[in-house]
Every structure is written in structure tokens, then in C-alpha cells.
Amino acid sequence: MTVRPFLLWPDRRLRTAASPAGPVCDDHWAIWSDMIETMDAMPGYGLAAPQIGVMLRLAVVDCSDERGRALRLADPLIVVASDETSDWDEAPPNLPGVSARVSRPARVTVAFTDAEGDRVRQDFEGLWATSVQHQIDHLDGRMFFDRLSRTKREMLLKKALKR
């Protein structure tokens, strides 16, 4: 396992939708292992492959208190989202030192290929729901600041570019 470097904003790959991962294979396991190591070194609650320059629809999420329970996702897709929202402070390592409070659905159901290669559906809520949605945004070439008002987004990006 290797801690991988992050792409830094405004690298255009952060705005590029990732390619389907397809059937789970040994290469995916190697990438997931590196991603978990990298996520834990941040520390953070999730990581999408494009954040480290791997343009595949792979993500990891671990919001457990004790850590070491990372969920590996390939080709995730939100199939149901609650009308109720929750707000969390979000900050990707691709924009060091910059964060913002983001409102997202409080609960989501996500279809994804799991680590064993099975297509499953799983319900997420709270921080797990926020992190999964954040990672799926990265896989779609979106950043958390895309969910902010224009004024807040411009202020955040101005601050980020000064760093």
C-alpha cells in the first residue's frame, strides 16, 4: 500500500467525469488499498480515485469511529435521495485549507459494485450519506463548491488561489 499524492485544484482532471470501473479485478483492489492508506493519512472520511489521478469510478468511505471499516465502491450511483437535508463542513485535500458548509440529502440509497464484485444497494445516512455523495460528485467531475451559491463559491475559490 502506498500513500498517493493528491491532484491540486485547478487540475482539469478534477472536472472530468471518471470512466466506468467495470468488473472488480486485482487492479481495483490495489487502487482501493492505496486509496484507504491515503484517506487514513489525511485523515478523511472518503476518497474518490480521480482525486489521486486515477480516472476510474472507484471510491472508498470510512466514517466509522474506530476506522478500519472502509467501504469499497465501484461505479456508485445514487438511486434514491431523501427530501430532508443535512449540513456538514466539507473540504477535499485537493483544495488544502479551504472548507465550506454544504447541504445535501440526509439519506441516500446507492447502487454500487462491492469489493466482491456483486452489484448491491445500500442505504446511507448522516456523515456516511454526505461522504458517499461527496465522492460520487468527484467521480462525476464536480467539486463540493459547485453546491454553494455563486457568491460563496467565488469567495472560496479566490481564497484557495491565494494559497
C-alpha atoms as a PDB file:
ATOM      1  CA  MET A   1       0.000   0.000   0.000  1.00  0.00           C
ATOM      2  CA  THR A   2       1.116   3.493  -0.849  1.00  0.00           C
ATOM      3  CA  VAL A   3       0.019   6.960   0.183  1.00  0.00           C
ATOM      4  CA  ARG A   4      -0.555   8.700  -3.128  1.00  0.00           C
ATOM      5  CA  PRO A   5      -0.286  12.437  -3.850  1.00  0.00           C
ATOM      6  CA  PHE A   6      -3.431  14.459  -4.485  1.00  0.00           C
ATOM      7  CA  LEU A   7      -4.195  16.396  -7.625  1.00  0.00           C
ATOM      8  CA  LEU A   8      -4.370  20.064  -6.711  1.00  0.00           C
ATOM      9  CA  TRP A   9      -7.058  22.443  -7.869  1.00  0.00           C
ATOM     10  CA  PRO A  10      -7.362  23.629 -10.643  1.00  0.00           C
ATOM     11  CA  ASP A  11      -6.092  20.409 -12.278  1.00  0.00           C
ATOM     12  CA  ARG A  12      -8.657  19.807 -15.038  1.00  0.00           C
ATOM     13  CA  ARG A  13      -8.929  16.096 -14.195  1.00  0.00           C
ATOM     14  CA  LEU A  14     -10.875  17.180 -11.102  1.00  0.00           C
ATOM     15  CA  ARG A  15     -13.526  18.467 -13.543  1.00  0.00           C
ATOM     16  CA  THR A  16     -13.539  15.330 -15.708  1.00  0.00           C
ATOM     17  CA  ALA A  17     -16.037  12.518 -15.211  1.00  0.00           C
ATOM     18  CA  ALA A  18     -14.303   9.230 -14.399  1.00  0.00           C
ATOM     19  CA  SER A  19     -14.630   6.174 -16.638  1.00  0.00           C
ATOM     20  CA  PRO A  20     -16.644   3.135 -15.514  1.00  0.00           C
ATOM     21  CA  ALA A  21     -14.591   0.745 -13.406  1.00  0.00           C
ATOM     22  CA  GLY A  22     -16.272  -2.357 -14.830  1.00  0.00           C
ATOM     23  CA  PRO A  23     -15.847  -5.776 -13.204  1.00  0.00           C
ATOM     24  CA  VAL A  24     -13.808  -5.774  -9.995  1.00  0.00           C
ATOM     25  CA  CYS A  25     -10.278  -7.063 -10.523  1.00  0.00           C
ATOM     26  CA  ASP A  26      -6.903  -7.161  -8.774  1.00  0.00           C
ATOM     27  CA  ASP A  27      -6.018  -3.720 -10.158  1.00  0.00           C
ATOM     28  CA  HIS A  28      -9.071  -2.264  -8.424  1.00  0.00           C
ATOM     29  CA  TRP A  29      -8.063  -3.903  -5.146  1.00  0.00           C
ATOM     30  CA  ALA A  30      -4.588  -2.369  -5.427  1.00  0.00           C
ATOM     31  CA  ILE A  31      -6.050   1.085  -6.109  1.00  0.00           C
ATOM     32  CA  TRP A  32      -8.555   0.745  -3.243  1.00  0.00           C
ATOM     33  CA  SER A  33      -5.721  -0.274  -0.872  1.00  0.00           C
ATOM     34  CA  ASP A  34      -3.709   2.809  -1.831  1.00  0.00           C
ATOM     35  CA  MET A  35      -6.814   4.977  -1.520  1.00  0.00           C
ATOM     36  CA  ILE A  36      -7.547   3.722   2.006  1.00  0.00           C
ATOM     37  CA  GLU A  37      -3.949   4.310   3.038  1.00  0.00           C
ATOM     38  CA  THR A  38      -4.101   7.812   1.525  1.00  0.00           C
ATOM     39  CA  MET A  39      -7.509   8.586   3.112  1.00  0.00           C
ATOM     40  CA  ASP A  40      -6.305   7.480   6.543  1.00  0.00           C
ATOM     41  CA  ALA A  41      -3.142   9.589   6.208  1.00  0.00           C
ATOM     42  CA  MET A  42      -5.188  12.786   5.570  1.00  0.00           C
ATOM     43  CA  PRO A  43      -7.179  11.932   7.777  1.00  0.00           C
ATOM     44  CA  GLY A  44     -10.518  11.973   5.980  1.00  0.00           C
ATOM     45  CA  TYR A  45     -13.825  10.180   5.604  1.00  0.00           C
ATOM     46  CA  GLY A  46     -13.644   9.277   1.939  1.00  0.00           C
ATOM     47  CA  LEU A  47     -11.686   9.456  -1.262  1.00  0.00           C
ATOM     48  CA  ALA A  48     -12.523   9.150  -4.939  1.00  0.00           C
ATOM     49  CA  ALA A  49      -9.966   7.788  -7.391  1.00  0.00           C
ATOM     50  CA  PRO A  50      -9.844  10.963  -9.551  1.00  0.00           C
ATOM     51  CA  GLN A  51      -8.571  12.894  -6.523  1.00  0.00           C
ATOM     52  CA  ILE A  52      -5.322  10.944  -6.857  1.00  0.00           C
ATOM     53  CA  GLY A  53      -5.300  10.998 -10.665  1.00  0.00           C
ATOM     54  CA  VAL A  54      -6.906   7.585 -11.297  1.00  0.00           C
ATOM     55  CA  MET A  55      -9.777   8.272 -13.680  1.00  0.00           C
ATOM     56  CA  LEU A  56     -11.944   5.284 -12.736  1.00  0.00           C
ATOM     57  CA  ARG A  57     -15.261   5.293 -10.851  1.00  0.00           C
ATOM     58  CA  LEU A  58     -13.768   3.907  -7.637  1.00  0.00           C
ATOM     59  CA  ALA A  59     -14.265   5.331  -4.149  1.00  0.00           C
ATOM     60  CA  VAL A  60     -13.681   4.464  -0.513  1.00  0.00           C
ATOM     61  CA  VAL A  61     -15.601   5.730   2.516  1.00  0.00           C
ATOM     62  CA  ASP A  62     -14.951   5.177   6.225  1.00  0.00           C
ATOM     63  CA  CYS A  63     -16.972   7.236   8.697  1.00  0.00           C
ATOM     64  CA  SER A  64     -16.684   4.690  11.489  1.00  0.00           C
ATOM     65  CA  ASP A  65     -15.458   5.872  14.887  1.00  0.00           C
ATOM     66  CA  GLU A  66     -12.810   3.185  15.157  1.00  0.00           C
ATOM     67  CA  ARG A  67     -11.700   3.339  11.496  1.00  0.00           C
ATOM     68  CA  GLY A  68     -10.550   0.272   9.597  1.00  0.00           C
ATOM     69  CA  ARG A  69     -14.063  -0.337   8.223  1.00  0.00           C
ATOM     70  CA  ALA A  70     -13.662   1.277   4.817  1.00  0.00           C
ATOM     71  CA  LEU A  71     -16.340   0.557   2.273  1.00  0.00           C
ATOM     72  CA  ARG A  72     -15.042  -0.004  -1.269  1.00  0.00           C
ATOM     73  CA  LEU A  73     -17.324   1.162  -4.066  1.00  0.00           C
ATOM     74  CA  ALA A  74     -17.070   0.716  -7.829  1.00  0.00           C
ATOM     75  CA  ASP A  75     -19.402   2.518 -10.223  1.00  0.00           C
ATOM     76  CA  PRO A  76     -21.632   4.015  -7.475  1.00  0.00           C
ATOM     77  CA  LEU A  77     -24.917   5.646  -8.410  1.00  0.00           C
ATOM     78  CA  ILE A  78     -27.440   7.403  -6.178  1.00  0.00           C
ATOM     79  CA  VAL A  79     -30.829   5.784  -6.817  1.00  0.00           C
ATOM     80  CA  VAL A  80     -32.870   7.420  -4.030  1.00  0.00           C
ATOM     81  CA  ALA A  81     -32.258  10.647  -2.126  1.00  0.00           C
ATOM     82  CA  SER A  82     -34.322  11.995   0.764  1.00  0.00           C
ATOM     83  CA  ASP A  83     -36.023  15.368   0.603  1.00  0.00           C
ATOM     84  CA  GLU A  84     -34.696  16.050   4.094  1.00  0.00           C
ATOM     85  CA  THR A  85     -31.242  17.605   4.080  1.00  0.00           C
ATOM     86  CA  SER A  86     -28.332  17.836   6.477  1.00  0.00           C
ATOM     87  CA  ASP A  87     -25.405  20.234   6.550  1.00  0.00           C
ATOM     88  CA  TRP A  88     -21.766  19.265   7.037  1.00  0.00           C
ATOM     89  CA  ASP A  89     -18.469  21.059   6.655  1.00  0.00           C
ATOM     90  CA  GLU A  90     -16.745  19.640   3.581  1.00  0.00           C
ATOM     91  CA  ALA A  91     -13.159  20.021   2.427  1.00  0.00           C
ATOM     92  CA  PRO A  92     -11.255  17.953  -0.130  1.00  0.00           C
ATOM     93  CA  PRO A  93      -7.479  17.575   0.060  1.00  0.00           C
ATOM     94  CA  ASN A  94      -7.360  18.946  -3.491  1.00  0.00           C
ATOM     95  CA  LEU A  95      -8.034  22.430  -2.063  1.00  0.00           C
ATOM     96  CA  PRO A  96      -5.905  22.462   1.106  1.00  0.00           C
ATOM     97  CA  GLY A  97      -7.107  24.728   3.877  1.00  0.00           C
ATOM     98  CA  VAL A  98     -10.463  25.505   2.249  1.00  0.00           C
ATOM     99  CA  SER A  99     -13.822  24.256   3.508  1.00  0.00           C
ATOM    100  CA  ALA A 100     -17.489  25.159   3.411  1.00  0.00           C
ATOM    101  CA  ARG A 101     -20.762  24.033   4.928  1.00  0.00           C
ATOM    102  CA  VAL A 102     -22.719  22.084   2.298  1.00  0.00           C
ATOM    103  CA  SER A 103     -26.336  20.965   2.357  1.00  0.00           C
ATOM    104  CA  ARG A 104     -27.075  17.517   0.901  1.00  0.00           C
ATOM    105  CA  PRO A 105     -29.809  14.881   1.199  1.00  0.00           C
ATOM    106  CA  ALA A 106     -29.710  13.416   4.716  1.00  0.00           C
ATOM    107  CA  ARG A 107     -30.267   9.874   3.427  1.00  0.00           C
ATOM    108  CA  VAL A 108     -29.420   8.188   0.140  1.00  0.00           C
ATOM    109  CA  THR A 109     -29.668   4.737  -1.368  1.00  0.00           C
ATOM    110  CA  VAL A 110     -26.681   3.938  -3.551  1.00  0.00           C
ATOM    111  CA  ALA A 111     -26.247   1.142  -6.075  1.00  0.00           C
ATOM    112  CA  PHE A 112     -22.620   0.071  -6.492  1.00  0.00           C
ATOM    113  CA  THR A 113     -20.384  -2.880  -7.176  1.00  0.00           C
ATOM    114  CA  ASP A 114     -18.905  -4.044  -3.886  1.00  0.00           C
ATOM    115  CA  ALA A 115     -15.433  -5.414  -3.213  1.00  0.00           C
ATOM    116  CA  GLU A 116     -16.599  -8.968  -4.007  1.00  0.00           C
ATOM    117  CA  GLY A 117     -17.862  -7.885  -7.424  1.00  0.00           C
ATOM    118  CA  ASP A 118     -21.578  -8.002  -6.577  1.00  0.00           C
ATOM    119  CA  ARG A 119     -23.936  -5.208  -7.580  1.00  0.00           C
ATOM    120  CA  VAL A 120     -25.685  -4.116  -4.370  1.00  0.00           C
ATOM    121  CA  ARG A 121     -27.857  -1.343  -2.984  1.00  0.00           C
ATOM    122  CA  GLN A 122     -27.105   0.199   0.381  1.00  0.00           C
ATOM    123  CA  ASP A 123     -28.763   2.905   2.460  1.00  0.00           C
ATOM    124  CA  PHE A 124     -26.616   5.635   3.991  1.00  0.00           C
ATOM    125  CA  GLU A 125     -27.444   8.401   6.437  1.00  0.00           C
ATOM    126  CA  GLY A 126     -25.674  11.123   8.353  1.00  0.00           C
ATOM    127  CA  LEU A 127     -21.979  11.565   7.718  1.00  0.00           C
ATOM    128  CA  TRP A 128     -21.892   8.331   5.678  1.00  0.00           C
ATOM    129  CA  ALA A 129     -24.507   9.770   3.287  1.00  0.00           C
ATOM    130  CA  THR A 130     -22.627  13.049   2.993  1.00  0.00           C
ATOM    131  CA  SER A 131     -19.298  11.361   2.312  1.00  0.00           C
ATOM    132  CA  VAL A 132     -20.716   8.957  -0.281  1.00  0.00           C
ATOM    133  CA  GLN A 133     -22.394  11.847  -2.107  1.00  0.00           C
ATOM    134  CA  HIS A 134     -19.187  13.899  -1.937  1.00  0.00           C
ATOM    135  CA  GLN A 135     -17.216  11.024  -3.518  1.00  0.00           C
ATOM    136  CA  ILE A 136     -19.806  10.486  -6.248  1.00  0.00           C
ATOM    137  CA  ASP A 137     -19.566  14.198  -7.064  1.00  0.00           C
ATOM    138  CA  HIS A 138     -15.808  13.749  -7.563  1.00  0.00           C
ATOM    139  CA  LEU A 139     -16.462  10.771  -9.838  1.00  0.00           C
ATOM    140  CA  ASP A 140     -18.788  12.984 -11.891  1.00  0.00           C
ATOM    141  CA  GLY A 141     -16.208  15.779 -12.184  1.00  0.00           C
ATOM    142  CA  ARG A 142     -17.876  18.020  -9.604  1.00  0.00           C
ATOM    143  CA  MET A 143     -16.417  19.708  -6.561  1.00  0.00           C
ATOM    144  CA  PHE A 144     -18.158  20.467  -3.269  1.00  0.00           C
ATOM    145  CA  PHE A 145     -18.124  24.195  -4.023  1.00  0.00           C
ATOM    146  CA  ASP A 146     -20.422  23.574  -7.006  1.00  0.00           C
ATOM    147  CA  ARG A 147     -23.181  23.159  -4.404  1.00  0.00           C
ATOM    148  CA  LEU A 148     -22.590  26.642  -2.966  1.00  0.00           C
ATOM    149  CA  SER A 149     -24.146  29.917  -4.059  1.00  0.00           C
ATOM    150  CA  ARG A 150     -22.241  31.773  -6.749  1.00  0.00           C
ATOM    151  CA  THR A 151     -21.018  34.395  -4.267  1.00  0.00           C
ATOM    152  CA  LYS A 152     -19.793  31.827  -1.723  1.00  0.00           C
ATOM    153  CA  ARG A 153     -18.145  29.768  -4.482  1.00  0.00           C
ATOM    154  CA  GLU A 154     -16.291  32.788  -5.861  1.00  0.00           C
ATOM    155  CA  MET A 155     -15.075  33.798  -2.394  1.00  0.00           C
ATOM    156  CA  LEU A 156     -13.918  30.260  -1.637  1.00  0.00           C
ATOM    157  CA  LEU A 157     -12.027  29.898  -4.939  1.00  0.00           C
ATOM    158  CA  LYS A 158     -10.423  33.323  -4.521  1.00  0.00           C
ATOM    159  CA  LYS A 159      -9.195  32.247  -1.092  1.00  0.00           C
ATOM    160  CA  ALA A 160      -7.951  28.913  -2.481  1.00  0.00           C
ATOM    161  CA  LEU A 161      -5.968  30.520  -5.289  1.00  0.00           C
ATOM    162  CA  LYS A 162      -4.179  32.825  -2.798  1.00  0.00           C
ATOM    163  CA  ARG A 163      -2.678  29.818  -1.014  1.00  0.00           C
END
